[in-house]
Amino acid sequence: MAKNAYIIPFEATITQVIAKHGYSNLPLWDTEAACGNQITDQDGSSACVARRYILEASLGIDRFIWYAWWLNGGQYFQPLWTPNQGLLPAGQAYVTMSQWLVGATVQKCTPRNTIWACLISRDNGYQGEVLWTTGASVNYSVPATYKQFRDVITNRPQSIRGQAVVLGNKPILIEN
């Protein structure tokens, strides 16, 4: 199972238990999560942060709290910020995901082999799709309705050329 994908069956089980006991109308919070010790660099950490936030949103989690914004020399968790370096790439991924997700409706994320896709919409007719791959980088054909994309670190709009984008481990957002 792909990294972070384990939360999907876990959330389904939690939802069933909550419904069984009549608490489906209450908000669901995930109060502590991190990348853990599988991630050893900032590129992997920023990818993990972004994927985790989009997956949590797609599952209907009302509030998700990242563990370890900063650990002094932390060995097991990649921090988002340190006093010496300020905002790290993982922290920038957090900021970007907030900009992508706040006020948006996120549908469940679906894997297609190693490619993950999460549809995002807004009231004003905005349509987007957050995409990444858990395998090797791949050229991905984009539907003609999408005109630009944003990466999770810079969040700057870039034109889609030739109706294709390159997908890697860090999510990108394609937009209409």
N, C-alpha and C. Protein backbone atom coordinates (compact mmCIF):
# COMPACT_ATOMS: atom_id res chain seq x y z
N MET A 1 0.84 -1.17 0.00
CA MET A 1 0.00 0.00 0.00
C MET A 1 0.89 1.24 0.00
N ALA A 2 0.50 2.24 -0.76
CA ALA A 2 1.29 3.45 -0.90
C ALA A 2 1.37 4.21 0.42
N LYS A 3 2.49 4.91 0.63
CA LYS A 3 2.64 5.72 1.83
C LYS A 3 1.44 6.63 1.98
N ASN A 4 0.94 6.78 3.19
CA ASN A 4 -0.22 7.59 3.56
C ASN A 4 -1.55 6.97 3.15
N ALA A 5 -1.56 5.96 2.27
CA ALA A 5 -2.82 5.38 1.82
C ALA A 5 -3.48 4.56 2.93
N TYR A 6 -2.74 4.18 3.95
CA TYR A 6 -3.30 3.39 5.04
C TYR A 6 -4.41 4.14 5.76
N ILE A 7 -4.44 5.47 5.67
CA ILE A 7 -5.48 6.21 6.39
C ILE A 7 -6.85 6.00 5.78
N ILE A 8 -6.93 5.59 4.51
CA ILE A 8 -8.23 5.42 3.87
C ILE A 8 -9.03 4.28 4.50
N PRO A 9 -8.50 3.03 4.60
CA PRO A 9 -9.29 2.00 5.28
C PRO A 9 -9.48 2.28 6.76
N PHE A 10 -8.50 2.93 7.39
CA PHE A 10 -8.61 3.27 8.81
C PHE A 10 -9.78 4.23 9.02
N GLU A 11 -9.88 5.25 8.18
CA GLU A 11 -10.96 6.22 8.30
C GLU A 11 -12.31 5.56 8.05
N ALA A 12 -12.37 4.63 7.10
CA ALA A 12 -13.63 3.93 6.83
C ALA A 12 -14.09 3.16 8.06
N THR A 13 -13.17 2.52 8.75
CA THR A 13 -13.51 1.77 9.97
C THR A 13 -13.99 2.72 11.05
N ILE A 14 -13.30 3.83 11.24
CA ILE A 14 -13.69 4.83 12.25
C ILE A 14 -15.09 5.35 11.94
N THR A 15 -15.35 5.67 10.69
CA THR A 15 -16.65 6.19 10.28
C THR A 15 -17.76 5.18 10.58
N GLN A 16 -17.52 3.91 10.33
CA GLN A 16 -18.51 2.86 10.62
C GLN A 16 -18.80 2.78 12.12
N VAL A 17 -17.78 2.83 12.95
CA VAL A 17 -17.96 2.77 14.40
C VAL A 17 -18.73 3.99 14.90
N ILE A 18 -18.38 5.16 14.38
CA ILE A 18 -19.07 6.39 14.78
C ILE A 18 -20.55 6.31 14.40
N ALA A 19 -20.85 5.86 13.19
CA ALA A 19 -22.24 5.74 12.73
C ALA A 19 -23.00 4.72 13.58
N LYS A 20 -22.38 3.61 13.90
CA LYS A 20 -23.01 2.55 14.70
C LYS A 20 -23.49 3.09 16.05
N HIS A 21 -22.75 4.03 16.60
CA HIS A 21 -23.09 4.57 17.92
C HIS A 21 -23.82 5.90 17.86
N GLY A 22 -24.24 6.32 16.64
CA GLY A 22 -25.07 7.50 16.49
C GLY A 22 -24.37 8.84 16.59
N TYR A 23 -23.08 8.88 16.27
CA TYR A 23 -22.33 10.13 16.39
C TYR A 23 -21.88 10.71 15.04
N SER A 24 -22.52 10.32 13.98
CA SER A 24 -22.11 10.79 12.65
C SER A 24 -22.25 12.29 12.45
N ASN A 25 -23.06 12.93 13.26
CA ASN A 25 -23.26 14.38 13.12
C ASN A 25 -22.16 15.20 13.79
N LEU A 26 -21.24 14.56 14.49
CA LEU A 26 -20.16 15.28 15.17
C LEU A 26 -18.94 15.41 14.25
N PRO A 27 -18.15 16.47 14.45
CA PRO A 27 -16.95 16.63 13.62
C PRO A 27 -15.92 15.55 13.95
N LEU A 28 -15.16 15.16 12.94
CA LEU A 28 -14.13 14.14 13.10
C LEU A 28 -12.77 14.83 13.03
N TRP A 29 -11.96 14.63 14.05
CA TRP A 29 -10.64 15.23 14.14
C TRP A 29 -9.58 14.15 14.11
N ASP A 30 -8.48 14.43 13.44
CA ASP A 30 -7.27 13.62 13.51
C ASP A 30 -6.27 14.53 14.21
N THR A 31 -5.96 14.22 15.46
CA THR A 31 -5.23 15.17 16.29
C THR A 31 -3.72 15.02 16.30
N GLU A 32 -3.18 14.04 15.62
CA GLU A 32 -1.72 13.95 15.61
C GLU A 32 -1.25 13.00 14.52
N ALA A 33 -0.46 13.52 13.59
CA ALA A 33 0.13 12.68 12.55
C ALA A 33 1.39 13.35 12.06
N ALA A 34 2.26 12.56 11.49
CA ALA A 34 3.52 13.06 10.93
C ALA A 34 4.03 12.03 9.93
N CYS A 35 5.12 12.35 9.28
CA CYS A 35 5.69 11.43 8.29
C CYS A 35 6.41 10.26 8.95
N GLY A 36 6.88 10.45 10.16
CA GLY A 36 7.62 9.39 10.84
C GLY A 36 9.03 9.24 10.29
N ASN A 37 9.65 8.15 10.62
CA ASN A 37 11.06 7.99 10.26
C ASN A 37 11.29 7.39 8.88
N GLN A 38 10.23 7.22 8.07
CA GLN A 38 10.43 6.73 6.70
C GLN A 38 10.98 7.84 5.80
N ILE A 39 10.79 9.09 6.18
CA ILE A 39 11.17 10.23 5.37
C ILE A 39 12.46 10.81 5.93
N THR A 40 13.45 10.95 5.09
CA THR A 40 14.76 11.41 5.58
C THR A 40 15.23 12.71 4.93
N ASP A 41 14.45 13.29 4.02
CA ASP A 41 14.89 14.53 3.38
C ASP A 41 13.71 15.48 3.23
N GLN A 42 14.01 16.74 2.94
CA GLN A 42 12.96 17.75 2.83
C GLN A 42 12.04 17.54 1.63
N ASP A 43 12.55 17.00 0.54
CA ASP A 43 11.71 16.73 -0.62
C ASP A 43 10.64 15.70 -0.26
N GLY A 44 11.06 14.62 0.37
CA GLY A 44 10.11 13.59 0.80
C GLY A 44 9.17 14.09 1.87
N SER A 45 9.66 14.93 2.76
CA SER A 45 8.84 15.47 3.83
C SER A 45 7.76 16.40 3.27
N SER A 46 8.13 17.26 2.33
CA SER A 46 7.13 18.17 1.74
C SER A 46 6.06 17.38 0.98
N ALA A 47 6.47 16.32 0.30
CA ALA A 47 5.51 15.46 -0.40
C ALA A 47 4.56 14.80 0.60
N CYS A 48 5.11 14.29 1.69
CA CYS A 48 4.30 13.62 2.71
C CYS A 48 3.28 14.56 3.33
N VAL A 49 3.71 15.76 3.70
CA VAL A 49 2.80 16.75 4.30
C VAL A 49 1.64 17.04 3.35
N ALA A 50 1.96 17.34 2.10
CA ALA A 50 0.92 17.69 1.13
C ALA A 50 -0.04 16.53 0.89
N ARG A 51 0.49 15.33 0.69
CA ARG A 51 -0.38 14.17 0.44
C ARG A 51 -1.27 13.89 1.65
N ARG A 52 -0.71 13.99 2.84
CA ARG A 52 -1.50 13.70 4.03
C ARG A 52 -2.65 14.69 4.18
N TYR A 53 -2.38 15.98 3.95
CA TYR A 53 -3.45 16.97 4.09
C TYR A 53 -4.55 16.78 3.05
N ILE A 54 -4.20 16.50 1.81
CA ILE A 54 -5.24 16.32 0.80
C ILE A 54 -6.04 15.04 1.07
N LEU A 55 -5.37 13.97 1.51
CA LEU A 55 -6.09 12.74 1.84
C LEU A 55 -7.04 12.95 3.01
N GLU A 56 -6.57 13.62 4.04
CA GLU A 56 -7.44 13.90 5.20
C GLU A 56 -8.67 14.71 4.77
N ALA A 57 -8.46 15.74 3.95
CA ALA A 57 -9.58 16.55 3.48
C ALA A 57 -10.55 15.72 2.66
N SER A 58 -10.02 14.84 1.82
CA SER A 58 -10.89 14.03 0.96
C SER A 58 -11.71 13.03 1.76
N LEU A 59 -11.26 12.69 2.95
CA LEU A 59 -11.98 11.73 3.79
C LEU A 59 -13.00 12.40 4.70
N GLY A 60 -13.10 13.72 4.62
CA GLY A 60 -14.07 14.43 5.44
C GLY A 60 -13.61 14.70 6.85
N ILE A 61 -12.30 14.62 7.10
CA ILE A 61 -11.77 14.94 8.42
C ILE A 61 -11.94 16.44 8.62
N ASP A 62 -12.62 16.83 9.68
CA ASP A 62 -12.92 18.24 9.91
C ASP A 62 -11.73 19.05 10.40
N ARG A 63 -10.85 18.42 11.15
CA ARG A 63 -9.67 19.12 11.65
C ARG A 63 -8.52 18.12 11.71
N PHE A 64 -7.38 18.52 11.16
CA PHE A 64 -6.20 17.67 11.14
C PHE A 64 -5.03 18.46 11.70
N ILE A 65 -4.33 17.92 12.68
CA ILE A 65 -3.25 18.62 13.35
C ILE A 65 -1.94 17.90 13.07
N TRP A 66 -1.00 18.63 12.51
CA TRP A 66 0.31 18.08 12.20
C TRP A 66 1.14 17.99 13.47
N TYR A 67 1.78 16.86 13.69
CA TYR A 67 2.65 16.69 14.85
C TYR A 67 4.05 17.18 14.47
N ALA A 68 4.71 17.83 15.41
CA ALA A 68 6.11 18.21 15.28
C ALA A 68 6.34 19.31 14.26
N TRP A 69 5.74 20.47 14.52
CA TRP A 69 6.10 21.64 13.72
C TRP A 69 7.58 21.89 13.83
N TRP A 70 8.09 21.66 15.04
CA TRP A 70 9.52 21.86 15.24
C TRP A 70 9.99 20.92 16.33
N LEU A 71 11.03 20.17 16.05
CA LEU A 71 11.69 19.34 17.05
C LEU A 71 13.18 19.67 17.01
N ASN A 72 13.73 19.98 18.13
CA ASN A 72 15.14 20.32 18.18
C ASN A 72 15.97 19.06 17.93
N GLY A 73 16.46 18.91 16.70
CA GLY A 73 17.26 17.74 16.37
C GLY A 73 16.44 16.48 16.28
N GLY A 74 15.13 16.60 16.04
CA GLY A 74 14.25 15.43 15.98
C GLY A 74 14.73 14.40 14.97
N GLN A 75 14.80 13.17 15.38
CA GLN A 75 15.27 12.10 14.53
C GLN A 75 14.12 11.43 13.78
N TYR A 76 12.92 11.44 14.34
CA TYR A 76 11.83 10.66 13.76
C TYR A 76 10.84 11.47 12.94
N PHE A 77 10.79 12.75 13.13
CA PHE A 77 9.80 13.55 12.44
C PHE A 77 10.46 14.71 11.73
N GLN A 78 10.05 14.94 10.51
CA GLN A 78 10.57 16.07 9.75
C GLN A 78 9.79 17.31 10.19
N PRO A 79 10.47 18.33 10.72
CA PRO A 79 9.78 19.54 11.14
C PRO A 79 9.36 20.38 9.93
N LEU A 80 8.42 21.28 10.16
CA LEU A 80 7.97 22.22 9.14
C LEU A 80 8.71 23.55 9.26
N TRP A 81 9.30 23.78 10.42
CA TRP A 81 9.95 25.04 10.71
C TRP A 81 11.05 24.80 11.73
N THR A 82 12.13 25.55 11.65
CA THR A 82 13.15 25.53 12.70
C THR A 82 13.57 26.96 12.98
N PRO A 83 14.06 27.23 14.20
CA PRO A 83 14.50 28.60 14.50
C PRO A 83 15.66 29.06 13.63
N ASN A 84 16.53 28.15 13.25
CA ASN A 84 17.70 28.52 12.46
C ASN A 84 17.38 28.73 10.99
N GLN A 85 16.47 27.91 10.44
CA GLN A 85 16.19 27.94 9.01
C GLN A 85 14.87 28.58 8.66
N GLY A 86 13.99 28.79 9.62
CA GLY A 86 12.67 29.32 9.34
C GLY A 86 11.79 28.26 8.70
N LEU A 87 10.94 28.68 7.79
CA LEU A 87 10.00 27.78 7.14
C LEU A 87 10.76 26.85 6.19
N LEU A 88 10.60 25.55 6.40
CA LEU A 88 11.26 24.54 5.57
C LEU A 88 10.34 24.15 4.40
N PRO A 89 10.83 23.41 3.40
CA PRO A 89 9.96 22.99 2.30
C PRO A 89 8.68 22.29 2.77
N ALA A 90 8.77 21.49 3.81
CA ALA A 90 7.56 20.84 4.34
C ALA A 90 6.58 21.87 4.89
N GLY A 91 7.11 22.93 5.50
CA GLY A 91 6.26 24.01 5.98
C GLY A 91 5.62 24.78 4.84
N GLN A 92 6.36 24.98 3.75
CA GLN A 92 5.79 25.64 2.58
C GLN A 92 4.70 24.77 1.98
N ALA A 93 4.89 23.45 1.98
CA ALA A 93 3.84 22.54 1.49
C ALA A 93 2.58 22.69 2.34
N TYR A 94 2.75 22.85 3.63
CA TYR A 94 1.61 23.06 4.53
C TYR A 94 0.87 24.36 4.16
N VAL A 95 1.62 25.44 3.97
CA VAL A 95 1.02 26.73 3.60
C VAL A 95 0.26 26.59 2.28
N THR A 96 0.88 25.95 1.29
CA THR A 96 0.24 25.78 -0.02
C THR A 96 -1.03 24.94 0.10
N MET A 97 -0.97 23.85 0.86
CA MET A 97 -2.17 23.01 0.99
C MET A 97 -3.30 23.79 1.64
N SER A 98 -2.99 24.65 2.58
CA SER A 98 -4.00 25.49 3.19
C SER A 98 -4.65 26.38 2.12
N GLN A 99 -3.85 26.95 1.25
CA GLN A 99 -4.38 27.81 0.18
C GLN A 99 -5.23 27.00 -0.80
N TRP A 100 -4.84 25.77 -1.08
CA TRP A 100 -5.60 24.94 -2.01
C TRP A 100 -6.90 24.44 -1.41
N LEU A 101 -6.91 24.15 -0.11
CA LEU A 101 -8.02 23.42 0.49
C LEU A 101 -9.05 24.28 1.23
N VAL A 102 -8.63 25.37 1.86
CA VAL A 102 -9.58 26.17 2.65
C VAL A 102 -10.63 26.75 1.71
N GLY A 103 -11.89 26.49 2.01
CA GLY A 103 -13.01 26.96 1.20
C GLY A 103 -13.35 26.11 0.01
N ALA A 104 -12.60 25.04 -0.20
CA ALA A 104 -12.85 24.15 -1.34
C ALA A 104 -13.62 22.91 -0.90
N THR A 105 -14.29 22.30 -1.84
CA THR A 105 -14.91 20.99 -1.63
C THR A 105 -13.97 19.96 -2.24
N VAL A 106 -13.56 19.00 -1.45
CA VAL A 106 -12.63 17.98 -1.91
C VAL A 106 -13.36 16.64 -1.96
N GLN A 107 -13.33 16.01 -3.12
CA GLN A 107 -13.91 14.68 -3.25
C GLN A 107 -12.87 13.65 -2.84
N LYS A 108 -13.32 12.43 -2.58
CA LYS A 108 -12.39 11.37 -2.20
C LYS A 108 -11.29 11.21 -3.24
N CYS A 109 -10.10 11.00 -2.74
CA CYS A 109 -8.96 10.75 -3.61
C CYS A 109 -9.02 9.31 -4.11
N THR A 110 -8.70 9.13 -5.38
CA THR A 110 -8.73 7.79 -5.96
C THR A 110 -7.39 7.45 -6.59
N PRO A 111 -6.88 6.27 -6.28
CA PRO A 111 -5.64 5.84 -6.94
C PRO A 111 -5.95 5.16 -8.27
N ARG A 112 -5.14 5.47 -9.26
CA ARG A 112 -5.19 4.77 -10.55
C ARG A 112 -3.79 4.22 -10.77
N ASN A 113 -3.61 2.95 -10.40
CA ASN A 113 -2.28 2.35 -10.34
C ASN A 113 -1.44 3.16 -9.37
N THR A 114 -0.38 3.82 -9.83
CA THR A 114 0.46 4.60 -8.91
C THR A 114 0.10 6.08 -8.91
N ILE A 115 -0.87 6.48 -9.72
CA ILE A 115 -1.27 7.89 -9.80
C ILE A 115 -2.50 8.13 -8.92
N TRP A 116 -2.39 9.15 -8.08
CA TRP A 116 -3.49 9.55 -7.21
C TRP A 116 -4.11 10.82 -7.76
N ALA A 117 -5.45 10.91 -7.69
CA ALA A 117 -6.18 12.09 -8.17
C ALA A 117 -7.25 12.47 -7.15
N CYS A 118 -7.32 13.75 -6.83
CA CYS A 118 -8.30 14.28 -5.88
C CYS A 118 -8.96 15.50 -6.52
N LEU A 119 -10.26 15.44 -6.76
CA LEU A 119 -10.98 16.55 -7.38
C LEU A 119 -11.31 17.62 -6.34
N ILE A 120 -11.13 18.88 -6.75
CA ILE A 120 -11.42 20.03 -5.90
C ILE A 120 -12.33 20.96 -6.67
N SER A 121 -13.33 21.50 -5.98
CA SER A 121 -14.21 22.49 -6.62
C SER A 121 -14.48 23.63 -5.64
N ARG A 122 -14.92 24.74 -6.21
CA ARG A 122 -15.32 25.92 -5.43
C ARG A 122 -16.63 26.44 -6.03
N ASP A 123 -17.34 27.25 -5.27
CA ASP A 123 -18.65 27.75 -5.68
C ASP A 123 -18.64 28.51 -7.00
N ASN A 124 -17.57 29.18 -7.34
CA ASN A 124 -17.53 30.06 -8.52
C ASN A 124 -17.26 29.32 -9.83
N GLY A 125 -17.43 28.00 -9.87
CA GLY A 125 -17.18 27.22 -11.08
C GLY A 125 -15.76 26.70 -11.20
N TYR A 126 -14.96 26.99 -10.21
CA TYR A 126 -13.58 26.53 -10.19
C TYR A 126 -13.55 25.00 -10.10
N GLN A 127 -12.69 24.40 -10.93
CA GLN A 127 -12.44 22.96 -10.89
C GLN A 127 -10.94 22.74 -10.88
N GLY A 128 -10.49 21.85 -10.04
CA GLY A 128 -9.08 21.51 -9.99
C GLY A 128 -8.92 20.05 -9.66
N GLU A 129 -7.72 19.58 -9.84
CA GLU A 129 -7.40 18.20 -9.53
C GLU A 129 -5.99 18.15 -8.95
N VAL A 130 -5.85 17.60 -7.75
CA VAL A 130 -4.54 17.42 -7.14
C VAL A 130 -4.06 16.03 -7.55
N LEU A 131 -2.84 15.99 -8.10
CA LEU A 131 -2.29 14.75 -8.66
C LEU A 131 -0.89 14.49 -8.14
N TRP A 132 -0.54 13.22 -7.96
CA TRP A 132 0.83 12.81 -7.67
C TRP A 132 0.97 11.34 -8.00
N THR A 133 2.20 10.86 -8.02
CA THR A 133 2.43 9.45 -8.25
C THR A 133 3.26 8.88 -7.10
N THR A 134 2.99 7.65 -6.75
CA THR A 134 3.77 6.96 -5.72
C THR A 134 4.87 6.12 -6.36
N GLY A 135 4.94 6.14 -7.68
CA GLY A 135 5.99 5.42 -8.40
C GLY A 135 6.98 6.41 -9.00
N ALA A 136 7.61 5.99 -10.07
CA ALA A 136 8.55 6.84 -10.78
C ALA A 136 7.80 8.01 -11.43
N SER A 137 8.50 9.12 -11.65
CA SER A 137 7.90 10.27 -12.34
C SER A 137 7.33 9.82 -13.68
N VAL A 138 6.22 10.45 -14.06
CA VAL A 138 5.52 10.04 -15.27
C VAL A 138 4.91 11.26 -15.96
N ASN A 139 4.87 11.26 -17.29
CA ASN A 139 4.13 12.26 -18.04
C ASN A 139 2.66 11.89 -17.97
N TYR A 140 1.83 12.86 -17.65
CA TYR A 140 0.41 12.62 -17.44
C TYR A 140 -0.39 13.49 -18.40
N SER A 141 -1.27 12.88 -19.17
CA SER A 141 -2.13 13.62 -20.09
C SER A 141 -3.25 14.30 -19.31
N VAL A 142 -3.37 15.60 -19.53
CA VAL A 142 -4.33 16.42 -18.80
C VAL A 142 -5.53 16.71 -19.69
N PRO A 143 -6.76 16.56 -19.16
CA PRO A 143 -7.94 16.94 -19.95
C PRO A 143 -7.86 18.40 -20.39
N ALA A 144 -8.42 18.71 -21.54
CA ALA A 144 -8.33 20.05 -22.14
C ALA A 144 -8.97 21.14 -21.29
N THR A 145 -9.84 20.77 -20.35
CA THR A 145 -10.47 21.78 -19.49
C THR A 145 -9.48 22.44 -18.54
N TYR A 146 -8.36 21.78 -18.30
CA TYR A 146 -7.35 22.34 -17.39
C TYR A 146 -6.33 23.15 -18.17
N LYS A 147 -6.07 24.37 -17.71
CA LYS A 147 -5.21 25.30 -18.44
C LYS A 147 -3.88 25.58 -17.74
N GLN A 148 -3.83 25.40 -16.43
CA GLN A 148 -2.60 25.70 -15.70
C GLN A 148 -2.41 24.73 -14.56
N PHE A 149 -1.18 24.72 -14.00
CA PHE A 149 -0.91 23.89 -12.83
C PHE A 149 -0.06 24.67 -11.84
N ARG A 150 -0.07 24.20 -10.60
CA ARG A 150 0.73 24.79 -9.52
C ARG A 150 1.46 23.66 -8.80
N ASP A 151 2.70 23.94 -8.39
CA ASP A 151 3.39 22.94 -7.59
C ASP A 151 3.23 23.29 -6.11
N VAL A 152 3.51 22.35 -5.26
CA VAL A 152 3.22 22.48 -3.84
C VAL A 152 4.24 23.37 -3.11
N ILE A 153 5.36 23.66 -3.71
CA ILE A 153 6.36 24.50 -3.05
C ILE A 153 6.21 25.97 -3.43
N THR A 154 6.17 26.30 -4.72
CA THR A 154 6.08 27.71 -5.12
C THR A 154 4.63 28.18 -5.22
N ASN A 155 3.71 27.31 -5.56
CA ASN A 155 2.28 27.62 -5.74
C ASN A 155 2.04 28.68 -6.82
N ARG A 156 2.98 28.85 -7.73
CA ARG A 156 2.82 29.82 -8.82
C ARG A 156 2.14 29.14 -10.00
N PRO A 157 1.14 29.80 -10.62
CA PRO A 157 0.50 29.20 -11.80
C PRO A 157 1.48 29.10 -12.97
N GLN A 158 1.46 27.96 -13.63
CA GLN A 158 2.28 27.71 -14.80
C GLN A 158 1.38 27.13 -15.89
N SER A 159 1.59 27.53 -17.12
CA SER A 159 0.78 27.03 -18.23
C SER A 159 1.06 25.55 -18.48
N ILE A 160 -0.01 24.83 -18.82
CA ILE A 160 0.15 23.44 -19.21
C ILE A 160 0.48 23.43 -20.70
N ARG A 161 1.59 22.82 -21.05
CA ARG A 161 2.05 22.79 -22.44
C ARG A 161 1.81 21.39 -23.01
N GLY A 162 1.18 21.35 -24.17
CA GLY A 162 0.94 20.08 -24.84
C GLY A 162 -0.01 19.16 -24.10
N GLN A 163 -0.85 19.74 -23.26
CA GLN A 163 -1.84 18.99 -22.48
C GLN A 163 -1.23 17.85 -21.68
N ALA A 164 0.00 18.06 -21.16
CA ALA A 164 0.65 17.06 -20.31
C ALA A 164 1.45 17.75 -19.22
N VAL A 165 1.54 17.10 -18.07
CA VAL A 165 2.37 17.55 -16.96
C VAL A 165 3.19 16.37 -16.47
N VAL A 166 4.26 16.67 -15.77
CA VAL A 166 5.08 15.62 -15.17
C VAL A 166 4.64 15.45 -13.72
N LEU A 167 4.29 14.23 -13.35
CA LEU A 167 3.90 13.93 -11.97
C LEU A 167 5.06 13.28 -11.25
N GLY A 168 5.26 13.69 -10.01
CA GLY A 168 6.26 13.08 -9.14
C GLY A 168 5.63 12.81 -7.79
N ASN A 169 6.47 12.68 -6.76
CA ASN A 169 5.94 12.35 -5.44
C ASN A 169 5.26 13.54 -4.75
N LYS A 170 5.58 14.77 -5.16
CA LYS A 170 4.92 15.94 -4.59
C LYS A 170 3.69 16.28 -5.43
N PRO A 171 2.56 16.49 -4.75
CA PRO A 171 1.34 16.84 -5.49
C PRO A 171 1.46 18.12 -6.30
N ILE A 172 0.75 18.16 -7.41
CA ILE A 172 0.54 19.37 -8.18
C ILE A 172 -0.97 19.58 -8.27
N LEU A 173 -1.37 20.81 -8.54
CA LEU A 173 -2.78 21.15 -8.72
C LEU A 173 -2.96 21.62 -10.14
N ILE A 174 -3.80 20.91 -10.91
CA ILE A 174 -4.16 21.38 -12.25
C ILE A 174 -5.50 22.10 -12.12
N GLU A 175 -5.68 23.20 -12.89
CA GLU A 175 -6.84 24.06 -12.71
C GLU A 175 -7.45 24.47 -14.04
N ASN A 176 -8.79 24.78 -14.00
CA ASN A 176 -9.46 25.28 -15.20
C ASN A 176 -9.28 26.77 -15.35
